[in-house]
Amino acid sequence: MTKFISTNSFTIKKTVSYYFTHITVAAAVAYAVTGSWVAAVTLSLLEPTVQTIVYFFHEKIWSRYDRKKTDESGTDLAPATEANRG
């Protein structure tokens, strides 16, 4: 587990940031639509939690694509990947 965290620390940090941003927006929208804080909190915790898990894997897929693109061209044209971000 420690290796997983150290290998993916940048993506994990981005994922956590995204999660809290998404919860805040989802709660505000759900409250505006329903007028109920109970419904707003329920919806804002359920959907962003699932979406955040999907986002993590979305980032990993793009990172893999960037590495493949760099390997094929022989030139580092792709944005920085998790491995060289530190």
PDB file of N, CA and C in Angstrom:
ATOM      1  N   MET A   1       0.821  -1.197   0.000  1.00  0.00           N
ATOM      2  CA  MET A   1       0.000   0.000   0.000  1.00  0.00           C
ATOM      3  C   MET A   1       0.862   1.257   0.000  1.00  0.00           C
ATOM      4  N   THR A   2       1.975   1.254   0.726  1.00  0.00           N
ATOM      5  CA  THR A   2       2.856   2.415   0.776  1.00  0.00           C
ATOM      6  C   THR A   2       3.440   2.712  -0.592  1.00  0.00           C
ATOM      7  N   LYS A   3       3.827   1.670  -1.331  1.00  0.00           N
ATOM      8  CA  LYS A   3       4.368   1.871  -2.673  1.00  0.00           C
ATOM      9  C   LYS A   3       3.301   2.470  -3.584  1.00  0.00           C
ATOM     10  N   PHE A   4       2.076   1.984  -3.466  1.00  0.00           N
ATOM     11  CA  PHE A   4       0.967   2.513  -4.263  1.00  0.00           C
ATOM     12  C   PHE A   4       0.800   4.008  -4.007  1.00  0.00           C
ATOM     13  N   ILE A   5       0.814   4.404  -2.739  1.00  0.00           N
ATOM     14  CA  ILE A   5       0.633   5.813  -2.386  1.00  0.00           C
ATOM     15  C   ILE A   5       1.800   6.650  -2.890  1.00  0.00           C
ATOM     16  N   SER A   6       3.019   6.179  -2.688  1.00  0.00           N
ATOM     17  CA  SER A   6       4.171   6.974  -3.135  1.00  0.00           C
ATOM     18  C   SER A   6       4.249   7.055  -4.657  1.00  0.00           C
ATOM     19  N   THR A   7       3.860   6.004  -5.341  1.00  0.00           N
ATOM     20  CA  THR A   7       3.876   6.001  -6.803  1.00  0.00           C
ATOM     21  C   THR A   7       2.792   6.899  -7.381  1.00  0.00           C
ATOM     22  N   ASN A   8       1.680   7.001  -6.697  1.00  0.00           N
ATOM     23  CA  ASN A   8       0.527   7.743  -7.216  1.00  0.00           C
ATOM     24  C   ASN A   8       0.209   8.999  -6.413  1.00  0.00           C
ATOM     25  N   SER A   9       1.161   9.537  -5.673  1.00  0.00           N
ATOM     26  CA  SER A   9       0.857  10.640  -4.754  1.00  0.00           C
ATOM     27  C   SER A   9       0.290  11.870  -5.458  1.00  0.00           C
ATOM     28  N   PHE A  10       0.827  12.236  -6.603  1.00  0.00           N
ATOM     29  CA  PHE A  10       0.327  13.419  -7.318  1.00  0.00           C
ATOM     30  C   PHE A  10      -1.124  13.220  -7.743  1.00  0.00           C
ATOM     31  N   THR A  11      -1.422  12.073  -8.325  1.00  0.00           N
ATOM     32  CA  THR A  11      -2.788  11.788  -8.773  1.00  0.00           C
ATOM     33  C   THR A  11      -3.733  11.687  -7.580  1.00  0.00           C
ATOM     34  N   ILE A  12      -3.283  11.130  -6.477  1.00  0.00           N
ATOM     35  CA  ILE A  12      -4.119  11.036  -5.281  1.00  0.00           C
ATOM     36  C   ILE A  12      -4.432  12.436  -4.750  1.00  0.00           C
ATOM     37  N   LYS A  13      -3.449  13.324  -4.719  1.00  0.00           N
ATOM     38  CA  LYS A  13      -3.681  14.693  -4.264  1.00  0.00           C
ATOM     39  C   LYS A  13      -4.688  15.402  -5.169  1.00  0.00           C
ATOM     40  N   LYS A  14      -4.532  15.252  -6.470  1.00  0.00           N
ATOM     41  CA  LYS A  14      -5.479  15.850  -7.410  1.00  0.00           C
ATOM     42  C   LYS A  14      -6.873  15.264  -7.223  1.00  0.00           C
ATOM     43  N   THR A  15      -6.942  13.975  -6.987  1.00  0.00           N
ATOM     44  CA  THR A  15      -8.221  13.304  -6.810  1.00  0.00           C
ATOM     45  C   THR A  15      -8.936  13.814  -5.559  1.00  0.00           C
ATOM     46  N   VAL A  16      -8.216  13.979  -4.462  1.00  0.00           N
ATOM     47  CA  VAL A  16      -8.814  14.480  -3.222  1.00  0.00           C
ATOM     48  C   VAL A  16      -9.303  15.921  -3.415  1.00  0.00           C
ATOM     49  N   SER A  17      -8.511  16.743  -4.070  1.00  0.00           N
ATOM     50  CA  SER A  17      -8.912  18.120  -4.355  1.00  0.00           C
ATOM     51  C   SER A  17     -10.177  18.148  -5.207  1.00  0.00           C
ATOM     52  N   TYR A  18     -10.190  17.325  -6.233  1.00  0.00           N
ATOM     53  CA  TYR A  18     -11.354  17.221  -7.119  1.00  0.00           C
ATOM     54  C   TYR A  18     -12.580  16.764  -6.337  1.00  0.00           C
ATOM     55  N   TYR A  19     -12.400  15.826  -5.438  1.00  0.00           N
ATOM     56  CA  TYR A  19     -13.497  15.273  -4.648  1.00  0.00           C
ATOM     57  C   TYR A  19     -14.193  16.369  -3.829  1.00  0.00           C
ATOM     58  N   PHE A  20     -13.409  17.161  -3.107  1.00  0.00           N
ATOM     59  CA  PHE A  20     -14.000  18.205  -2.275  1.00  0.00           C
ATOM     60  C   PHE A  20     -14.635  19.317  -3.106  1.00  0.00           C
ATOM     61  N   THR A  21     -14.037  19.649  -4.229  1.00  0.00           N
ATOM     62  CA  THR A  21     -14.637  20.631  -5.121  1.00  0.00           C
ATOM     63  C   THR A  21     -15.968  20.118  -5.655  1.00  0.00           C
ATOM     64  N   HIS A  22     -15.968  18.867  -6.075  1.00  0.00           N
ATOM     65  CA  HIS A  22     -17.179  18.268  -6.634  1.00  0.00           C
ATOM     66  C   HIS A  22     -18.294  18.176  -5.589  1.00  0.00           C
ATOM     67  N   ILE A  23     -17.968  17.806  -4.367  1.00  0.00           N
ATOM     68  CA  ILE A  23     -18.981  17.724  -3.304  1.00  0.00           C
ATOM     69  C   ILE A  23     -19.609  19.092  -3.063  1.00  0.00           C
ATOM     70  N   THR A  24     -18.802  20.124  -3.017  1.00  0.00           N
ATOM     71  CA  THR A  24     -19.306  21.472  -2.779  1.00  0.00           C
ATOM     72  C   THR A  24     -20.264  21.914  -3.876  1.00  0.00           C
ATOM     73  N   VAL A  25     -19.860  21.712  -5.124  1.00  0.00           N
ATOM     74  CA  VAL A  25     -20.713  22.092  -6.256  1.00  0.00           C
ATOM     75  C   VAL A  25     -21.985  21.239  -6.275  1.00  0.00           C
ATOM     76  N   ALA A  26     -21.838  19.947  -6.073  1.00  0.00           N
ATOM     77  CA  ALA A  26     -23.002  19.056  -6.093  1.00  0.00           C
ATOM     78  C   ALA A  26     -23.998  19.415  -4.994  1.00  0.00           C
ATOM     79  N   ALA A  27     -23.521  19.750  -3.802  1.00  0.00           N
ATOM     80  CA  ALA A  27     -24.411  20.118  -2.702  1.00  0.00           C
ATOM     81  C   ALA A  27     -25.168  21.400  -3.026  1.00  0.00           C
ATOM     82  N   ALA A  28     -24.473  22.372  -3.577  1.00  0.00           N
ATOM     83  CA  ALA A  28     -25.117  23.643  -3.926  1.00  0.00           C
ATOM     84  C   ALA A  28     -26.194  23.434  -4.995  1.00  0.00           C
ATOM     85  N   VAL A  29     -25.880  22.653  -6.011  1.00  0.00           N
ATOM     86  CA  VAL A  29     -26.846  22.398  -7.081  1.00  0.00           C
ATOM     87  C   VAL A  29     -28.024  21.581  -6.551  1.00  0.00           C
ATOM     88  N   ALA A  30     -27.750  20.548  -5.787  1.00  0.00           N
ATOM     89  CA  ALA A  30     -28.818  19.702  -5.247  1.00  0.00           C
ATOM     90  C   ALA A  30     -29.732  20.507  -4.326  1.00  0.00           C
ATOM     91  N   TYR A  31     -29.163  21.401  -3.521  1.00  0.00           N
ATOM     92  CA  TYR A  31     -29.983  22.231  -2.646  1.00  0.00           C
ATOM     93  C   TYR A  31     -30.833  23.208  -3.467  1.00  0.00           C
ATOM     94  N   ALA A  32     -30.242  23.790  -4.501  1.00  0.00           N
ATOM     95  CA  ALA A  32     -30.991  24.720  -5.358  1.00  0.00           C
ATOM     96  C   ALA A  32     -32.170  24.013  -6.034  1.00  0.00           C
ATOM     97  N   VAL A  33     -31.981  22.767  -6.406  1.00  0.00           N
ATOM     98  CA  VAL A  33     -33.038  22.015  -7.094  1.00  0.00           C
ATOM     99  C   VAL A  33     -34.090  21.489  -6.114  1.00  0.00           C
ATOM    100  N   THR A  34     -33.640  20.952  -4.968  1.00  0.00           N
ATOM    101  CA  THR A  34     -34.571  20.285  -4.053  1.00  0.00           C
ATOM    102  C   THR A  34     -35.056  21.174  -2.909  1.00  0.00           C
ATOM    103  N   GLY A  35     -34.253  22.149  -2.508  1.00  0.00           N
ATOM    104  CA  GLY A  35     -34.593  22.977  -1.347  1.00  0.00           C
ATOM    105  C   GLY A  35     -34.424  22.239  -0.026  1.00  0.00           C
ATOM    106  N   SER A  36     -33.822  21.062  -0.087  1.00  0.00           N
ATOM    107  CA  SER A  36     -33.640  20.230   1.116  1.00  0.00           C
ATOM    108  C   SER A  36     -32.158  19.965   1.342  1.00  0.00           C
ATOM    109  N   TRP A  37     -31.674  20.302   2.556  1.00  0.00           N
ATOM    110  CA  TRP A  37     -30.267  20.026   2.866  1.00  0.00           C
ATOM    111  C   TRP A  37     -30.012  18.529   3.000  1.00  0.00           C
ATOM    112  N   VAL A  38     -30.992  17.778   3.478  1.00  0.00           N
ATOM    113  CA  VAL A  38     -30.830  16.319   3.605  1.00  0.00           C
ATOM    114  C   VAL A  38     -30.619  15.705   2.225  1.00  0.00           C
ATOM    115  N   ALA A  39     -31.471  16.055   1.284  1.00  0.00           N
ATOM    116  CA  ALA A  39     -31.327  15.537  -0.085  1.00  0.00           C
ATOM    117  C   ALA A  39     -30.029  16.039  -0.712  1.00  0.00           C
ATOM    118  N   ALA A  40     -29.697  17.300  -0.463  1.00  0.00           N
ATOM    119  CA  ALA A  40     -28.481  17.884  -1.039  1.00  0.00           C
ATOM    120  C   ALA A  40     -27.229  17.157  -0.548  1.00  0.00           C
ATOM    121  N   VAL A  41     -27.160  16.901   0.763  1.00  0.00           N
ATOM    122  CA  VAL A  41     -25.994  16.209   1.326  1.00  0.00           C
ATOM    123  C   VAL A  41     -25.933  14.772   0.821  1.00  0.00           C
ATOM    124  N   THR A  42     -27.066  14.098   0.790  1.00  0.00           N
ATOM    125  CA  THR A  42     -27.100  12.713   0.299  1.00  0.00           C
ATOM    126  C   THR A  42     -26.611  12.633  -1.144  1.00  0.00           C
ATOM    127  N   LEU A  43     -27.175  13.466  -1.987  1.00  0.00           N
ATOM    128  CA  LEU A  43     -26.769  13.460  -3.403  1.00  0.00           C
ATOM    129  C   LEU A  43     -25.321  13.893  -3.575  1.00  0.00           C
ATOM    130  N   SER A  44     -24.900  14.884  -2.808  1.00  0.00           N
ATOM    131  CA  SER A  44     -23.548  15.406  -2.981  1.00  0.00           C
ATOM    132  C   SER A  44     -22.472  14.447  -2.472  1.00  0.00           C
ATOM    133  N   LEU A  45     -22.827  13.518  -1.630  1.00  0.00           N
ATOM    134  CA  LEU A  45     -21.851  12.516  -1.179  1.00  0.00           C
ATOM    135  C   LEU A  45     -21.850  11.280  -2.066  1.00  0.00           C
ATOM    136  N   LEU A  46     -22.993  10.904  -2.568  1.00  0.00           N
ATOM    137  CA  LEU A  46     -23.094   9.687  -3.375  1.00  0.00           C
ATOM    138  C   LEU A  46     -22.437   9.847  -4.747  1.00  0.00           C
ATOM    139  N   GLU A  47     -22.913  10.769  -5.531  1.00  0.00           N
ATOM    140  CA  GLU A  47     -22.437  10.906  -6.909  1.00  0.00           C
ATOM    141  C   GLU A  47     -20.952  11.276  -6.987  1.00  0.00           C
ATOM    142  N   PRO A  48     -20.467  12.287  -6.237  1.00  0.00           N
ATOM    143  CA  PRO A  48     -19.041  12.618  -6.323  1.00  0.00           C
ATOM    144  C   PRO A  48     -18.113  11.503  -5.837  1.00  0.00           C
ATOM    145  N   THR A  49     -18.582  10.698  -4.890  1.00  0.00           N
ATOM    146  CA  THR A  49     -17.742   9.590  -4.427  1.00  0.00           C
ATOM    147  C   THR A  49     -17.497   8.604  -5.560  1.00  0.00           C
ATOM    148  N   VAL A  50     -18.541   8.249  -6.267  1.00  0.00           N
ATOM    149  CA  VAL A  50     -18.397   7.350  -7.420  1.00  0.00           C
ATOM    150  C   VAL A  50     -17.565   8.030  -8.518  1.00  0.00           C
ATOM    151  N   GLN A  51     -17.872   9.293  -8.783  1.00  0.00           N
ATOM    152  CA  GLN A  51     -17.162  10.034  -9.831  1.00  0.00           C
ATOM    153  C   GLN A  51     -15.675  10.177  -9.525  1.00  0.00           C
ATOM    154  N   THR A  52     -15.319  10.356  -8.271  1.00  0.00           N
ATOM    155  CA  THR A  52     -13.910  10.508  -7.882  1.00  0.00           C
ATOM    156  C   THR A  52     -13.127   9.224  -8.132  1.00  0.00           C
ATOM    157  N   ILE A  53     -13.734   8.108  -7.850  1.00  0.00           N
ATOM    158  CA  ILE A  53     -13.076   6.824  -8.132  1.00  0.00           C
ATOM    159  C   ILE A  53     -12.844   6.678  -9.634  1.00  0.00           C
ATOM    160  N   VAL A  54     -13.836   7.032 -10.415  1.00  0.00           N
ATOM    161  CA  VAL A  54     -13.698   6.978 -11.875  1.00  0.00           C
ATOM    162  C   VAL A  54     -12.609   7.949 -12.339  1.00  0.00           C
ATOM    163  N   TYR A  55     -12.567   9.152 -11.742  1.00  0.00           N
ATOM    164  CA  TYR A  55     -11.566  10.158 -12.103  1.00  0.00           C
ATOM    165  C   TYR A  55     -10.144   9.646 -11.883  1.00  0.00           C
ATOM    166  N   PHE A  56      -9.907   8.966 -10.777  1.00  0.00           N
ATOM    167  CA  PHE A  56      -8.577   8.435 -10.494  1.00  0.00           C
ATOM    168  C   PHE A  56      -8.107   7.530 -11.643  1.00  0.00           C
ATOM    169  N   PHE A  57      -8.965   6.617 -12.075  1.00  0.00           N
ATOM    170  CA  PHE A  57      -8.597   5.711 -13.154  1.00  0.00           C
ATOM    171  C   PHE A  57      -8.515   6.439 -14.494  1.00  0.00           C
ATOM    172  N   HIS A  58      -9.337   7.456 -14.676  1.00  0.00           N
ATOM    173  CA  HIS A  58      -9.260   8.299 -15.876  1.00  0.00           C
ATOM    174  C   HIS A  58      -7.872   8.946 -15.972  1.00  0.00           C
ATOM    175  N   GLU A  59      -7.376   9.479 -14.863  1.00  0.00           N
ATOM    176  CA  GLU A  59      -6.042  10.086 -14.825  1.00  0.00           C
ATOM    177  C   GLU A  59      -4.955   9.059 -15.139  1.00  0.00           C
ATOM    178  N   LYS A  60      -5.094   7.856 -14.588  1.00  0.00           N
ATOM    179  CA  LYS A  60      -4.093   6.810 -14.825  1.00  0.00           C
ATOM    180  C   LYS A  60      -4.070   6.407 -16.299  1.00  0.00           C
ATOM    181  N   ILE A  61      -5.234   6.341 -16.930  1.00  0.00           N
ATOM    182  CA  ILE A  61      -5.299   6.003 -18.364  1.00  0.00           C
ATOM    183  C   ILE A  61      -4.612   7.081 -19.187  1.00  0.00           C
ATOM    184  N   TRP A  62      -4.880   8.346 -18.900  1.00  0.00           N
ATOM    185  CA  TRP A  62      -4.233   9.433 -19.641  1.00  0.00           C
ATOM    186  C   TRP A  62      -2.724   9.453 -19.411  1.00  0.00           C
ATOM    187  N   SER A  63      -2.309   9.156 -18.193  1.00  0.00           N
ATOM    188  CA  SER A  63      -0.883   9.100 -17.894  1.00  0.00           C
ATOM    189  C   SER A  63      -0.206   8.009 -18.715  1.00  0.00           C
ATOM    190  N   ARG A  64      -0.853   6.858 -18.809  1.00  0.00           N
ATOM    191  CA  ARG A  64      -0.325   5.751 -19.602  1.00  0.00           C
ATOM    192  C   ARG A  64      -0.254   6.147 -21.079  1.00  0.00           C
ATOM    193  N   TYR A  65      -1.278   6.840 -21.565  1.00  0.00           N
ATOM    194  CA  TYR A  65      -1.306   7.317 -22.959  1.00  0.00           C
ATOM    195  C   TYR A  65      -0.145   8.285 -23.218  1.00  0.00           C
ATOM    196  N   ASP A  66       0.099   9.203 -22.277  1.00  0.00           N
ATOM    197  CA  ASP A  66       1.200  10.152 -22.426  1.00  0.00           C
ATOM    198  C   ASP A  66       2.552   9.435 -22.485  1.00  0.00           C
ATOM    199  N   ARG A  67       2.732   8.431 -21.625  1.00  0.00           N
ATOM    200  CA  ARG A  67       3.993   7.670 -21.642  1.00  0.00           C
ATOM    201  C   ARG A  67       4.155   6.938 -22.962  1.00  0.00           C
ATOM    202  N   LYS A  68       3.084   6.332 -23.464  1.00  0.00           N
ATOM    203  CA  LYS A  68       3.139   5.602 -24.730  1.00  0.00           C
ATOM    204  C   LYS A  68       3.469   6.565 -25.869  1.00  0.00           C
ATOM    205  N   LYS A  69       2.871   7.724 -25.871  1.00  0.00           N
ATOM    206  CA  LYS A  69       3.118   8.733 -26.895  1.00  0.00           C
ATOM    207  C   LYS A  69       4.584   9.163 -26.881  1.00  0.00           C
ATOM    208  N   THR A  70       5.142   9.356 -25.696  1.00  0.00           N
ATOM    209  CA  THR A  70       6.548   9.736 -25.556  1.00  0.00           C
ATOM    210  C   THR A  70       7.461   8.616 -26.039  1.00  0.00           C
ATOM    211  N   ASP A  71       7.151   7.377 -25.677  1.00  0.00           N
ATOM    212  CA  ASP A  71       7.969   6.239 -26.085  1.00  0.00           C
ATOM    213  C   ASP A  71       7.983   6.067 -27.601  1.00  0.00           C
ATOM    214  N   GLU A  72       6.833   6.263 -28.243  1.00  0.00           N
ATOM    215  CA  GLU A  72       6.739   6.082 -29.686  1.00  0.00           C
ATOM    216  C   GLU A  72       7.483   7.166 -30.455  1.00  0.00           C
ATOM    217  N   SER A  73       7.451   8.398 -29.958  1.00  0.00           N
ATOM    218  CA  SER A  73       8.077   9.497 -30.685  1.00  0.00           C
ATOM    219  C   SER A  73       9.562   9.611 -30.381  1.00  0.00           C
ATOM    220  N   GLY A  74       9.967   9.075 -29.235  1.00  0.00           N
ATOM    221  CA  GLY A  74      11.361   9.188 -28.845  1.00  0.00           C
ATOM    222  C   GLY A  74      11.686  10.567 -28.297  1.00  0.00           C
ATOM    223  N   THR A  75      10.707  11.448 -28.282  1.00  0.00           N
ATOM    224  CA  THR A  75      10.870  12.799 -27.775  1.00  0.00           C
ATOM    225  C   THR A  75       9.814  13.037 -26.711  1.00  0.00           C
ATOM    226  N   ASP A  76      10.182  13.736 -25.676  1.00  0.00           N
ATOM    227  CA  ASP A  76       9.234  14.004 -24.602  1.00  0.00           C
ATOM    228  C   ASP A  76       8.359  15.192 -24.963  1.00  0.00           C
ATOM    229  N   LEU A  77       7.328  14.945 -25.791  1.00  0.00           N
ATOM    230  CA  LEU A  77       6.385  15.973 -26.183  1.00  0.00           C
ATOM    231  C   LEU A  77       5.173  16.000 -25.281  1.00  0.00           C
ATOM    232  N   ALA A  78       4.975  14.930 -24.541  1.00  0.00           N
ATOM    233  CA  ALA A  78       3.796  14.806 -23.694  1.00  0.00           C
ATOM    234  C   ALA A  78       3.995  15.584 -22.396  1.00  0.00           C
ATOM    235  N   PRO A  79       2.893  15.970 -21.744  1.00  0.00           N
ATOM    236  CA  PRO A  79       2.998  16.651 -20.447  1.00  0.00           C
ATOM    237  C   PRO A  79       3.671  15.747 -19.423  1.00  0.00           C
ATOM    238  N   ALA A  80       4.124  16.360 -18.349  1.00  0.00           N
ATOM    239  CA  ALA A  80       4.801  15.601 -17.283  1.00  0.00           C
ATOM    240  C   ALA A  80       3.895  14.503 -16.764  1.00  0.00           C
ATOM    241  N   THR A  81       4.476  13.350 -16.509  1.00  0.00           N
ATOM    242  CA  THR A  81       3.713  12.226 -15.974  1.00  0.00           C
ATOM    243  C   THR A  81       3.974  12.105 -14.483  1.00  0.00           C
ATOM    244  N   GLU A  82       3.231  11.242 -13.842  1.00  0.00           N
ATOM    245  CA  GLU A  82       3.368  11.013 -12.403  1.00  0.00           C
ATOM    246  C   GLU A  82       4.813  10.704 -12.032  1.00  0.00           C
ATOM    247  N   ALA A  83       5.488   9.910 -12.832  1.00  0.00           N
ATOM    248  CA  ALA A  83       6.834   9.453 -12.494  1.00  0.00           C
ATOM    249  C   ALA A  83       7.841  10.591 -12.425  1.00  0.00           C
ATOM    250  N   ASN A  84       7.697  11.613 -13.269  1.00  0.00           N
ATOM    251  CA  ASN A  84       8.705  12.676 -13.261  1.00  0.00           C
ATOM    252  C   ASN A  84       8.208  13.954 -12.609  1.00  0.00           C
ATOM    253  N   ARG A  85       7.110  13.894 -11.900  1.00  0.00           N
ATOM    254  CA  ARG A  85       6.630  15.064 -11.158  1.00  0.00           C
ATOM    255  C   ARG A  85       7.243  15.141  -9.777  1.00  0.00           C
ATOM    256  N   GLY A  86       7.828  14.062  -9.331  1.00  0.00           N
ATOM    257  CA  GLY A  86       8.487  14.098  -8.046  1.00  0.00           C
ATOM    258  C   GLY A  86       7.728  13.462  -7.019  1.00  0.00           C
TER     259      GLY A  86
END
